[in-house]
Amino acid sequence: MKKINRTYVMGIVCLLLAAFIAWQTTTIPERLVSNEPGPKAFPFIAAGGIALFAILSMIFDGPKESAKGNEPYLDKAGWIRMAVIMAEVLVFCFAMQFIGFWITSMAGMFAFVWTLKGDKKINVIFAVILCVALGSICYFGFTRGFHIPLPSGSLWKSLGIKMP
């Protein structure tokens, strides 16, 4: 009997998650005011992205995974890195309310990049530029483009500083 490798198992789990997200998205009531995409657009895009990358992972990484044999899914360093990422996510959530989304998104993204790089070398200047650019695009895209307010930070409010 042939053993199913981890890539296929995770791919199937992600496909089931994508199907669940898409199914739950159909229950969102749609109240369009203008030609905007509506509240169902982003969850459907996310479900499609999860499904697409799960399928691509099963196609391209599946055969490579079979050659690895019975290696553990995460070694000790992997578990430590995952714990660090979870701690960074918690700090990000709390810092967003205190410092605000714009600054926290840039700093948090840099922390995630630095943690996920592992042993790979990255250009620090490129990483900083990327984090500032992506954080700013997200912030101003939501606040100016979609007119969705994001947390500006209680620190700045208490100091009387108005964030953009």
N, C-alpha and C. Protein backbone atom coordinates (compact mmCIF):
# COMPACT_ATOMS: atom_id res chain seq x y z
N MET A 1 0.84 -1.18 0.00
CA MET A 1 0.00 0.00 0.00
C MET A 1 0.89 1.24 0.00
N LYS A 2 0.56 2.21 -0.85
CA LYS A 2 1.35 3.42 -0.98
C LYS A 2 0.98 4.42 0.13
N LYS A 3 2.01 5.03 0.73
CA LYS A 3 1.79 5.99 1.81
C LYS A 3 1.55 7.38 1.22
N ILE A 4 0.54 8.09 1.73
CA ILE A 4 0.25 9.45 1.28
C ILE A 4 1.21 10.40 2.00
N ASN A 5 1.86 11.28 1.24
CA ASN A 5 2.81 12.18 1.89
C ASN A 5 2.13 13.42 2.47
N ARG A 6 2.90 14.16 3.25
CA ARG A 6 2.37 15.31 3.98
C ARG A 6 1.85 16.41 3.07
N THR A 7 2.49 16.61 1.93
CA THR A 7 2.06 17.66 1.02
C THR A 7 0.64 17.42 0.53
N TYR A 8 0.33 16.18 0.19
CA TYR A 8 -1.02 15.86 -0.26
C TYR A 8 -2.04 16.01 0.87
N VAL A 9 -1.66 15.61 2.08
CA VAL A 9 -2.57 15.75 3.23
C VAL A 9 -2.87 17.22 3.48
N MET A 10 -1.83 18.06 3.52
CA MET A 10 -2.03 19.49 3.75
C MET A 10 -2.79 20.12 2.59
N GLY A 11 -2.54 19.66 1.36
CA GLY A 11 -3.28 20.17 0.21
C GLY A 11 -4.75 19.88 0.31
N ILE A 12 -5.08 18.67 0.72
CA ILE A 12 -6.49 18.30 0.88
C ILE A 12 -7.13 19.10 2.01
N VAL A 13 -6.41 19.29 3.12
CA VAL A 13 -6.93 20.10 4.23
C VAL A 13 -7.18 21.54 3.76
N CYS A 14 -6.25 22.10 2.99
CA CYS A 14 -6.42 23.47 2.49
C CYS A 14 -7.57 23.57 1.48
N LEU A 15 -7.75 22.55 0.66
CA LEU A 15 -8.89 22.54 -0.27
C LEU A 15 -10.21 22.48 0.48
N LEU A 16 -10.25 21.69 1.55
CA LEU A 16 -11.47 21.64 2.38
C LEU A 16 -11.71 22.98 3.06
N LEU A 17 -10.64 23.63 3.54
CA LEU A 17 -10.77 24.95 4.15
C LEU A 17 -11.29 25.96 3.13
N ALA A 18 -10.76 25.93 1.92
CA ALA A 18 -11.21 26.85 0.87
C ALA A 18 -12.68 26.62 0.55
N ALA A 19 -13.09 25.37 0.49
CA ALA A 19 -14.50 25.05 0.22
C ALA A 19 -15.38 25.56 1.36
N PHE A 20 -14.93 25.40 2.60
CA PHE A 20 -15.70 25.88 3.75
C PHE A 20 -15.82 27.41 3.72
N ILE A 21 -14.73 28.10 3.39
CA ILE A 21 -14.77 29.57 3.31
C ILE A 21 -15.74 30.01 2.23
N ALA A 22 -15.67 29.37 1.06
CA ALA A 22 -16.57 29.72 -0.03
C ALA A 22 -18.02 29.45 0.35
N TRP A 23 -18.28 28.34 1.00
CA TRP A 23 -19.64 28.00 1.42
C TRP A 23 -20.16 29.02 2.43
N GLN A 24 -19.33 29.38 3.42
CA GLN A 24 -19.75 30.36 4.42
C GLN A 24 -19.94 31.74 3.80
N THR A 25 -19.16 32.05 2.78
CA THR A 25 -19.27 33.35 2.12
C THR A 25 -20.62 33.50 1.43
N THR A 26 -21.19 32.41 0.98
CA THR A 26 -22.49 32.50 0.32
C THR A 26 -23.60 32.94 1.28
N THR A 27 -23.36 32.83 2.58
CA THR A 27 -24.38 33.23 3.56
C THR A 27 -24.31 34.72 3.90
N ILE A 28 -23.31 35.43 3.40
CA ILE A 28 -23.18 36.86 3.67
C ILE A 28 -24.24 37.61 2.87
N PRO A 29 -25.05 38.43 3.53
CA PRO A 29 -26.06 39.19 2.77
C PRO A 29 -25.37 40.27 1.93
N GLU A 30 -25.85 40.44 0.73
CA GLU A 30 -25.22 41.40 -0.18
C GLU A 30 -26.12 42.61 -0.32
N ARG A 31 -25.61 43.75 0.10
CA ARG A 31 -26.33 45.01 -0.01
C ARG A 31 -25.45 46.00 -0.76
N LEU A 32 -25.53 45.98 -2.05
CA LEU A 32 -24.71 46.87 -2.86
C LEU A 32 -25.31 48.26 -2.90
N VAL A 33 -24.44 49.25 -2.71
CA VAL A 33 -24.86 50.64 -2.77
C VAL A 33 -24.51 51.22 -4.14
N SER A 34 -23.38 50.82 -4.67
CA SER A 34 -22.94 51.32 -5.97
C SER A 34 -22.27 50.17 -6.71
N ASN A 35 -21.32 50.48 -7.54
CA ASN A 35 -20.63 49.46 -8.33
C ASN A 35 -19.45 48.84 -7.58
N GLU A 36 -19.50 48.83 -6.28
CA GLU A 36 -18.43 48.25 -5.47
C GLU A 36 -18.55 46.73 -5.49
N PRO A 37 -17.44 46.03 -5.24
CA PRO A 37 -17.49 44.57 -5.31
C PRO A 37 -18.36 43.91 -4.25
N GLY A 38 -18.58 44.53 -3.13
CA GLY A 38 -19.44 43.96 -2.10
C GLY A 38 -18.67 43.14 -1.08
N PRO A 39 -19.37 42.72 -0.03
CA PRO A 39 -18.69 42.03 1.07
C PRO A 39 -18.27 40.60 0.74
N LYS A 40 -18.79 40.03 -0.33
CA LYS A 40 -18.45 38.65 -0.66
C LYS A 40 -17.16 38.55 -1.48
N ALA A 41 -16.68 39.64 -2.02
CA ALA A 41 -15.55 39.58 -2.95
C ALA A 41 -14.28 39.06 -2.30
N PHE A 42 -13.86 39.65 -1.20
CA PHE A 42 -12.58 39.28 -0.61
C PHE A 42 -12.56 37.85 -0.06
N PRO A 43 -13.62 37.39 0.62
CA PRO A 43 -13.59 35.99 1.05
C PRO A 43 -13.53 35.00 -0.12
N PHE A 44 -14.23 35.31 -1.23
CA PHE A 44 -14.15 34.42 -2.40
C PHE A 44 -12.75 34.45 -3.01
N ILE A 45 -12.13 35.63 -3.04
CA ILE A 45 -10.76 35.73 -3.55
C ILE A 45 -9.81 34.93 -2.66
N ALA A 46 -9.99 35.03 -1.35
CA ALA A 46 -9.13 34.28 -0.42
C ALA A 46 -9.33 32.78 -0.59
N ALA A 47 -10.57 32.34 -0.71
CA ALA A 47 -10.84 30.91 -0.91
C ALA A 47 -10.22 30.42 -2.21
N GLY A 48 -10.35 31.20 -3.27
CA GLY A 48 -9.74 30.84 -4.54
C GLY A 48 -8.23 30.77 -4.46
N GLY A 49 -7.62 31.72 -3.75
CA GLY A 49 -6.17 31.72 -3.59
C GLY A 49 -5.68 30.51 -2.79
N ILE A 50 -6.39 30.19 -1.71
CA ILE A 50 -6.02 29.02 -0.91
C ILE A 50 -6.11 27.75 -1.76
N ALA A 51 -7.20 27.62 -2.51
CA ALA A 51 -7.37 26.43 -3.35
C ALA A 51 -6.30 26.36 -4.44
N LEU A 52 -6.02 27.49 -5.09
CA LEU A 52 -5.02 27.52 -6.16
C LEU A 52 -3.65 27.10 -5.65
N PHE A 53 -3.22 27.68 -4.54
CA PHE A 53 -1.88 27.37 -4.03
C PHE A 53 -1.81 25.97 -3.43
N ALA A 54 -2.91 25.46 -2.90
CA ALA A 54 -2.92 24.08 -2.42
C ALA A 54 -2.73 23.12 -3.59
N ILE A 55 -3.41 23.38 -4.69
CA ILE A 55 -3.27 22.52 -5.87
C ILE A 55 -1.86 22.62 -6.44
N LEU A 56 -1.33 23.84 -6.55
CA LEU A 56 0.04 24.00 -7.06
C LEU A 56 1.06 23.32 -6.16
N SER A 57 0.85 23.39 -4.86
CA SER A 57 1.76 22.72 -3.92
C SER A 57 1.71 21.21 -4.11
N MET A 58 0.52 20.68 -4.28
CA MET A 58 0.41 19.22 -4.47
C MET A 58 1.04 18.79 -5.79
N ILE A 59 0.95 19.63 -6.82
CA ILE A 59 1.52 19.27 -8.12
C ILE A 59 3.04 19.35 -8.09
N PHE A 60 3.57 20.45 -7.58
CA PHE A 60 5.01 20.68 -7.69
C PHE A 60 5.81 20.18 -6.49
N ASP A 61 5.26 20.19 -5.29
CA ASP A 61 6.00 19.76 -4.10
C ASP A 61 5.70 18.32 -3.71
N GLY A 62 4.60 17.77 -4.16
CA GLY A 62 4.22 16.41 -3.80
C GLY A 62 5.26 15.36 -4.13
N PRO A 63 5.74 15.31 -5.38
CA PRO A 63 6.76 14.30 -5.71
C PRO A 63 8.07 14.49 -4.94
N LYS A 64 8.46 15.73 -4.67
CA LYS A 64 9.69 15.98 -3.89
C LYS A 64 9.55 15.46 -2.47
N GLU A 65 8.35 15.63 -1.90
CA GLU A 65 8.09 15.21 -0.52
C GLU A 65 8.24 13.70 -0.37
N SER A 66 7.87 12.94 -1.39
CA SER A 66 7.96 11.48 -1.31
C SER A 66 9.39 11.01 -1.13
N ALA A 67 10.34 11.77 -1.67
CA ALA A 67 11.75 11.38 -1.58
C ALA A 67 12.32 11.60 -0.18
N LYS A 68 11.68 12.45 0.62
CA LYS A 68 12.21 12.76 1.95
C LYS A 68 12.00 11.63 2.95
N GLY A 69 11.03 10.81 2.73
CA GLY A 69 10.81 9.69 3.64
C GLY A 69 10.04 10.07 4.88
N ASN A 70 10.55 9.64 6.02
CA ASN A 70 9.82 9.83 7.29
C ASN A 70 10.41 10.94 8.15
N GLU A 71 10.87 12.02 7.55
CA GLU A 71 11.37 13.15 8.33
C GLU A 71 10.22 13.80 9.09
N PRO A 72 10.49 14.35 10.26
CA PRO A 72 9.41 15.03 10.99
C PRO A 72 8.97 16.28 10.24
N TYR A 73 7.70 16.62 10.38
CA TYR A 73 7.15 17.77 9.68
C TYR A 73 7.83 19.06 10.13
N LEU A 74 8.02 19.21 11.43
CA LEU A 74 8.77 20.33 11.99
C LEU A 74 9.82 19.78 12.94
N ASP A 75 11.06 20.21 12.76
CA ASP A 75 12.09 19.83 13.71
C ASP A 75 12.05 20.82 14.89
N LYS A 76 13.00 20.71 15.80
CA LYS A 76 12.99 21.57 16.99
C LYS A 76 13.08 23.05 16.61
N ALA A 77 13.94 23.37 15.65
CA ALA A 77 14.08 24.77 15.22
C ALA A 77 12.79 25.26 14.56
N GLY A 78 12.10 24.39 13.83
CA GLY A 78 10.84 24.77 13.20
C GLY A 78 9.76 25.08 14.22
N TRP A 79 9.68 24.27 15.28
CA TRP A 79 8.71 24.52 16.34
C TRP A 79 9.01 25.83 17.05
N ILE A 80 10.30 26.10 17.27
CA ILE A 80 10.68 27.37 17.92
C ILE A 80 10.31 28.55 17.04
N ARG A 81 10.60 28.43 15.73
CA ARG A 81 10.25 29.51 14.80
C ARG A 81 8.74 29.72 14.76
N MET A 82 7.96 28.65 14.80
CA MET A 82 6.51 28.78 14.79
C MET A 82 6.03 29.47 16.08
N ALA A 83 6.63 29.16 17.21
CA ALA A 83 6.27 29.82 18.46
C ALA A 83 6.61 31.31 18.41
N VAL A 84 7.75 31.63 17.82
CA VAL A 84 8.14 33.04 17.68
C VAL A 84 7.15 33.78 16.79
N ILE A 85 6.73 33.15 15.70
CA ILE A 85 5.76 33.78 14.80
C ILE A 85 4.43 34.00 15.51
N MET A 86 3.97 33.03 16.29
CA MET A 86 2.73 33.20 17.04
C MET A 86 2.85 34.35 18.05
N ALA A 87 4.00 34.46 18.69
CA ALA A 87 4.24 35.58 19.62
C ALA A 87 4.23 36.91 18.86
N GLU A 88 4.84 36.93 17.67
CA GLU A 88 4.83 38.15 16.86
C GLU A 88 3.42 38.54 16.45
N VAL A 89 2.60 37.57 16.13
CA VAL A 89 1.21 37.85 15.76
C VAL A 89 0.46 38.46 16.94
N LEU A 90 0.66 37.92 18.14
CA LEU A 90 -0.01 38.48 19.33
C LEU A 90 0.48 39.90 19.61
N VAL A 91 1.78 40.13 19.53
CA VAL A 91 2.33 41.48 19.73
C VAL A 91 1.77 42.43 18.68
N PHE A 92 1.68 41.96 17.43
CA PHE A 92 1.12 42.77 16.34
C PHE A 92 -0.31 43.20 16.66
N CYS A 93 -1.13 42.26 17.14
CA CYS A 93 -2.53 42.58 17.45
C CYS A 93 -2.65 43.62 18.55
N PHE A 94 -1.86 43.48 19.60
CA PHE A 94 -1.93 44.45 20.70
C PHE A 94 -1.30 45.78 20.31
N ALA A 95 -0.19 45.73 19.56
CA ALA A 95 0.49 46.96 19.17
C ALA A 95 -0.35 47.78 18.20
N MET A 96 -1.17 47.10 17.41
CA MET A 96 -2.01 47.80 16.44
C MET A 96 -2.96 48.76 17.16
N GLN A 97 -3.50 48.36 18.29
CA GLN A 97 -4.40 49.23 19.03
C GLN A 97 -3.64 50.36 19.73
N PHE A 98 -2.40 50.09 20.14
CA PHE A 98 -1.64 51.09 20.89
C PHE A 98 -0.88 52.04 19.96
N ILE A 99 -0.21 51.51 18.94
CA ILE A 99 0.63 52.33 18.06
C ILE A 99 -0.11 52.70 16.77
N GLY A 100 -1.06 51.88 16.36
CA GLY A 100 -1.78 52.14 15.12
C GLY A 100 -1.38 51.16 14.03
N PHE A 101 -2.26 51.01 13.05
CA PHE A 101 -2.04 50.01 12.00
C PHE A 101 -0.85 50.35 11.12
N TRP A 102 -0.70 51.61 10.73
CA TRP A 102 0.33 51.97 9.75
C TRP A 102 1.72 51.61 10.22
N ILE A 103 2.09 52.07 11.39
CA ILE A 103 3.44 51.80 11.91
C ILE A 103 3.59 50.33 12.28
N THR A 104 2.56 49.77 12.89
CA THR A 104 2.62 48.37 13.30
C THR A 104 2.73 47.44 12.10
N SER A 105 2.04 47.77 11.01
CA SER A 105 2.11 46.89 9.83
C SER A 105 3.52 46.88 9.25
N MET A 106 4.18 48.01 9.22
CA MET A 106 5.55 48.05 8.69
C MET A 106 6.51 47.29 9.60
N ALA A 107 6.44 47.55 10.89
CA ALA A 107 7.34 46.87 11.83
C ALA A 107 7.03 45.38 11.91
N GLY A 108 5.75 45.04 11.94
CA GLY A 108 5.36 43.63 12.01
C GLY A 108 5.79 42.87 10.77
N MET A 109 5.62 43.48 9.60
CA MET A 109 6.02 42.81 8.37
C MET A 109 7.54 42.57 8.36
N PHE A 110 8.30 43.53 8.84
CA PHE A 110 9.75 43.34 8.89
C PHE A 110 10.09 42.21 9.87
N ALA A 111 9.41 42.16 11.00
CA ALA A 111 9.66 41.08 11.96
C ALA A 111 9.32 39.72 11.35
N PHE A 112 8.21 39.63 10.62
CA PHE A 112 7.84 38.37 9.97
C PHE A 112 8.86 37.97 8.91
N VAL A 113 9.30 38.93 8.11
CA VAL A 113 10.31 38.64 7.08
C VAL A 113 11.58 38.14 7.73
N TRP A 114 12.00 38.80 8.78
CA TRP A 114 13.26 38.43 9.45
C TRP A 114 13.15 37.04 10.09
N THR A 115 12.01 36.74 10.66
CA THR A 115 11.81 35.42 11.27
C THR A 115 11.73 34.33 10.22
N LEU A 116 11.02 34.58 9.14
CA LEU A 116 10.80 33.55 8.12
C LEU A 116 12.00 33.33 7.21
N LYS A 117 12.94 34.25 7.20
CA LYS A 117 14.08 34.09 6.30
C LYS A 117 14.96 32.92 6.69
N GLY A 118 14.95 32.54 7.96
CA GLY A 118 15.74 31.40 8.41
C GLY A 118 17.22 31.64 8.19
N ASP A 119 17.87 30.74 7.45
CA ASP A 119 19.30 30.85 7.19
C ASP A 119 19.60 31.61 5.91
N LYS A 120 18.59 32.01 5.19
CA LYS A 120 18.80 32.71 3.92
C LYS A 120 19.26 34.13 4.17
N LYS A 121 20.10 34.62 3.28
CA LYS A 121 20.55 36.00 3.36
C LYS A 121 19.57 36.89 2.61
N ILE A 122 19.21 38.00 3.24
CA ILE A 122 18.35 38.97 2.58
C ILE A 122 19.00 40.33 2.67
N ASN A 123 18.68 41.18 1.72
CA ASN A 123 19.16 42.55 1.72
C ASN A 123 18.28 43.35 2.67
N VAL A 124 18.87 43.87 3.73
CA VAL A 124 18.10 44.57 4.77
C VAL A 124 17.44 45.82 4.20
N ILE A 125 18.15 46.54 3.35
CA ILE A 125 17.58 47.77 2.77
C ILE A 125 16.36 47.42 1.91
N PHE A 126 16.46 46.36 1.11
CA PHE A 126 15.32 45.94 0.29
C PHE A 126 14.15 45.52 1.18
N ALA A 127 14.44 44.80 2.27
CA ALA A 127 13.37 44.36 3.19
C ALA A 127 12.68 45.56 3.82
N VAL A 128 13.43 46.57 4.23
CA VAL A 128 12.84 47.76 4.84
C VAL A 128 11.97 48.50 3.82
N ILE A 129 12.49 48.69 2.61
CA ILE A 129 11.72 49.38 1.56
C ILE A 129 10.44 48.61 1.25
N LEU A 130 10.55 47.29 1.14
CA LEU A 130 9.38 46.46 0.86
C LEU A 130 8.33 46.59 1.96
N CYS A 131 8.77 46.53 3.22
CA CYS A 131 7.83 46.61 4.35
C CYS A 131 7.17 47.98 4.43
N VAL A 132 7.93 49.04 4.21
CA VAL A 132 7.35 50.39 4.24
C VAL A 132 6.37 50.56 3.09
N ALA A 133 6.75 50.09 1.90
CA ALA A 133 5.87 50.24 0.74
C ALA A 133 4.57 49.44 0.92
N LEU A 134 4.68 48.17 1.29
CA LEU A 134 3.47 47.34 1.44
C LEU A 134 2.59 47.81 2.59
N GLY A 135 3.20 48.20 3.71
CA GLY A 135 2.42 48.72 4.83
C GLY A 135 1.69 50.00 4.47
N SER A 136 2.35 50.86 3.72
CA SER A 136 1.73 52.12 3.30
C SER A 136 0.63 51.89 2.28
N ILE A 137 0.87 50.97 1.33
CA ILE A 137 -0.17 50.66 0.34
C ILE A 137 -1.41 50.11 1.03
N CYS A 138 -1.20 49.20 1.97
CA CYS A 138 -2.36 48.64 2.70
C CYS A 138 -3.09 49.72 3.48
N TYR A 139 -2.34 50.53 4.21
CA TYR A 139 -2.96 51.55 5.06
C TYR A 139 -3.74 52.56 4.23
N PHE A 140 -3.06 53.16 3.24
CA PHE A 140 -3.72 54.20 2.46
C PHE A 140 -4.76 53.62 1.50
N GLY A 141 -4.57 52.38 1.07
CA GLY A 141 -5.58 51.74 0.23
C GLY A 141 -6.90 51.58 0.97
N PHE A 142 -6.81 51.17 2.22
CA PHE A 142 -8.04 50.99 3.00
C PHE A 142 -8.61 52.32 3.49
N THR A 143 -7.74 53.20 4.00
CA THR A 143 -8.27 54.45 4.58
C THR A 143 -8.70 55.44 3.52
N ARG A 144 -7.95 55.58 2.44
CA ARG A 144 -8.30 56.56 1.41
C ARG A 144 -9.11 55.93 0.26
N GLY A 145 -8.70 54.73 -0.16
CA GLY A 145 -9.36 54.10 -1.30
C GLY A 145 -10.72 53.53 -0.96
N PHE A 146 -10.78 52.71 0.09
CA PHE A 146 -12.04 52.08 0.47
C PHE A 146 -12.79 52.85 1.56
N HIS A 147 -12.17 53.87 2.14
CA HIS A 147 -12.75 54.66 3.22
C HIS A 147 -13.11 53.78 4.42
N ILE A 148 -12.20 52.88 4.75
CA ILE A 148 -12.37 52.01 5.91
C ILE A 148 -11.38 52.47 6.97
N PRO A 149 -11.87 52.93 8.12
CA PRO A 149 -10.94 53.40 9.15
C PRO A 149 -10.17 52.24 9.77
N LEU A 150 -8.89 52.44 9.94
CA LEU A 150 -8.03 51.47 10.62
C LEU A 150 -7.55 52.10 11.92
N PRO A 151 -7.14 51.27 12.88
CA PRO A 151 -6.71 51.83 14.17
C PRO A 151 -5.57 52.83 14.00
N SER A 152 -5.75 54.02 14.59
CA SER A 152 -4.70 55.03 14.50
C SER A 152 -3.79 55.01 15.72
N GLY A 153 -4.16 54.32 16.76
CA GLY A 153 -3.30 54.16 17.92
C GLY A 153 -3.67 55.08 19.07
N SER A 154 -3.86 54.48 20.22
CA SER A 154 -4.21 55.28 21.40
C SER A 154 -3.04 56.11 21.89
N LEU A 155 -1.81 55.72 21.59
CA LEU A 155 -0.63 56.50 21.99
C LEU A 155 -0.66 57.87 21.35
N TRP A 156 -0.91 57.92 20.06
CA TRP A 156 -0.91 59.19 19.34
C TRP A 156 -2.08 60.07 19.77
N LYS A 157 -3.21 59.46 20.06
CA LYS A 157 -4.36 60.23 20.53
C LYS A 157 -4.06 60.87 21.89
N SER A 158 -3.41 60.11 22.77
CA SER A 158 -3.11 60.64 24.10
C SER A 158 -2.04 61.74 24.03
N LEU A 159 -1.18 61.68 23.02
CA LEU A 159 -0.16 62.73 22.87
C LEU A 159 -0.66 63.89 22.03
N GLY A 160 -1.84 63.78 21.45
CA GLY A 160 -2.40 64.85 20.63
C GLY A 160 -1.84 64.89 19.22
N ILE A 161 -1.24 63.79 18.76
CA ILE A 161 -0.67 63.73 17.42
C ILE A 161 -1.70 63.09 16.50
N LYS A 162 -2.01 63.77 15.40
CA LYS A 162 -2.99 63.25 14.44
C LYS A 162 -2.25 62.43 13.39
N MET A 163 -2.60 61.17 13.30
CA MET A 163 -2.01 60.29 12.28
C MET A 163 -2.78 60.47 10.97
N PRO A 164 -2.11 60.26 9.81
CA PRO A 164 -2.81 60.46 8.53
C PRO A 164 -3.92 59.46 8.34
